[in-house]
């Protein structure tokens, strides 16, 4: 995927996230129920954000998440103590 398309996806994703935050603030202030719209925009923004990331960035994020979360081999049960 070329860099211009990745940049466009990232830009649209950020705009979608900003729209979601503004809708959340509007929802809290006016008690309007916009949950379906907000969840749809947030989901589309997440997909666009994921498409806009390069393979190296995706690999680094996955590597950091795996480092943070303990694997099954490293976890201990209470019966071992």
Protein backbone atom coordinates (compact mmCIF):
# COMPACT_ATOMS: atom_id res chain seq x y z
CA UNK A 1 0.00 0.00 0.00
CA UNK A 2 1.46 3.38 -0.90
CA UNK A 3 2.24 6.06 1.66
CA UNK A 4 -0.35 8.56 0.39
CA UNK A 5 -3.15 6.06 0.94
CA UNK A 6 -1.81 5.18 4.40
CA UNK A 7 -1.69 8.88 5.25
CA UNK A 8 -5.26 9.36 4.05
CA UNK A 9 -6.44 6.43 6.19
CA UNK A 10 -4.66 7.81 9.25
CA UNK A 11 -6.09 11.28 8.69
CA UNK A 12 -9.63 9.95 8.32
CA UNK A 13 -9.16 7.78 11.40
CA UNK A 14 -8.04 10.73 13.51
CA UNK A 15 -10.98 12.78 12.29
CA UNK A 16 -13.30 9.90 13.19
CA UNK A 17 -11.79 9.60 16.67
CA UNK A 18 -12.16 13.36 17.18
CA UNK A 19 -15.79 13.16 16.02
CA UNK A 20 -16.39 10.32 18.46
CA UNK A 21 -14.96 12.34 21.35
CA UNK A 22 -17.08 15.36 20.41
CA UNK A 23 -20.20 13.18 20.19
CA UNK A 24 -19.37 11.69 23.60
CA UNK A 25 -19.11 15.18 25.11
CA UNK A 26 -22.37 16.20 23.42
CA UNK A 27 -24.00 13.05 24.73
CA UNK A 28 -22.90 13.77 28.29
CA UNK A 29 -24.00 17.40 28.20
CA UNK A 30 -27.38 17.02 26.49
CA UNK A 31 -28.43 13.45 27.33
CA UNK A 32 -28.91 12.66 23.64
CA UNK A 33 -28.64 8.96 22.87
CA UNK A 34 -26.12 8.65 20.05
CA UNK A 35 -24.56 5.35 21.02
CA UNK A 36 -25.15 3.57 17.70
CA UNK A 37 -23.70 6.42 15.67
CA UNK A 38 -20.74 6.76 18.01
CA UNK A 39 -19.95 3.04 17.96
CA UNK A 40 -20.19 2.91 14.16
CA UNK A 41 -17.84 5.88 13.69
CA UNK A 42 -15.42 4.51 16.28
CA UNK A 43 -15.35 1.08 14.60
CA UNK A 44 -14.75 2.57 11.15
CA UNK A 45 -12.03 4.82 12.55
CA UNK A 46 -10.33 1.86 14.19
CA UNK A 47 -10.36 -0.07 10.90
CA UNK A 48 -8.98 2.92 9.00
CA UNK A 49 -6.31 3.46 11.64
CA UNK A 50 -5.23 -0.16 11.37
CA UNK A 51 -5.10 0.06 7.57
CA UNK A 52 -3.02 3.23 7.78
CA UNK A 53 -0.25 1.71 9.88
CA UNK A 54 2.81 0.27 8.21
CA UNK A 55 3.91 -3.32 8.79
CA UNK A 56 6.85 -2.23 10.94
CA UNK A 57 4.64 -0.20 13.26
CA UNK A 58 2.11 -3.04 13.54
CA UNK A 59 4.96 -5.43 14.42
CA UNK A 60 6.33 -3.07 17.09
CA UNK A 61 2.88 -2.58 18.66
CA UNK A 62 2.26 -6.33 18.70
CA UNK A 63 5.71 -6.92 20.21
CA UNK A 64 5.11 -4.39 22.99
CA UNK A 65 1.65 -5.78 23.76
CA UNK A 66 3.05 -9.30 23.99
CA UNK A 67 5.77 -8.04 26.32
CA UNK A 68 3.20 -6.37 28.59
CA UNK A 69 0.73 -9.24 28.77
CA UNK A 70 2.00 -12.39 30.50
CA UNK A 71 1.93 -15.55 28.47
CA UNK A 72 0.49 -18.82 29.78
CA UNK A 73 3.97 -20.24 30.36
CA UNK A 74 4.85 -17.34 32.66
CA UNK A 75 1.60 -17.29 34.64
CA UNK A 76 1.40 -19.10 37.94
CA UNK A 77 -1.57 -20.74 39.55
CA UNK A 78 -2.47 -20.33 43.20
CA UNK A 79 -2.04 -24.05 43.86
CA UNK A 80 1.73 -23.83 43.35
CA UNK A 81 2.25 -21.83 46.55
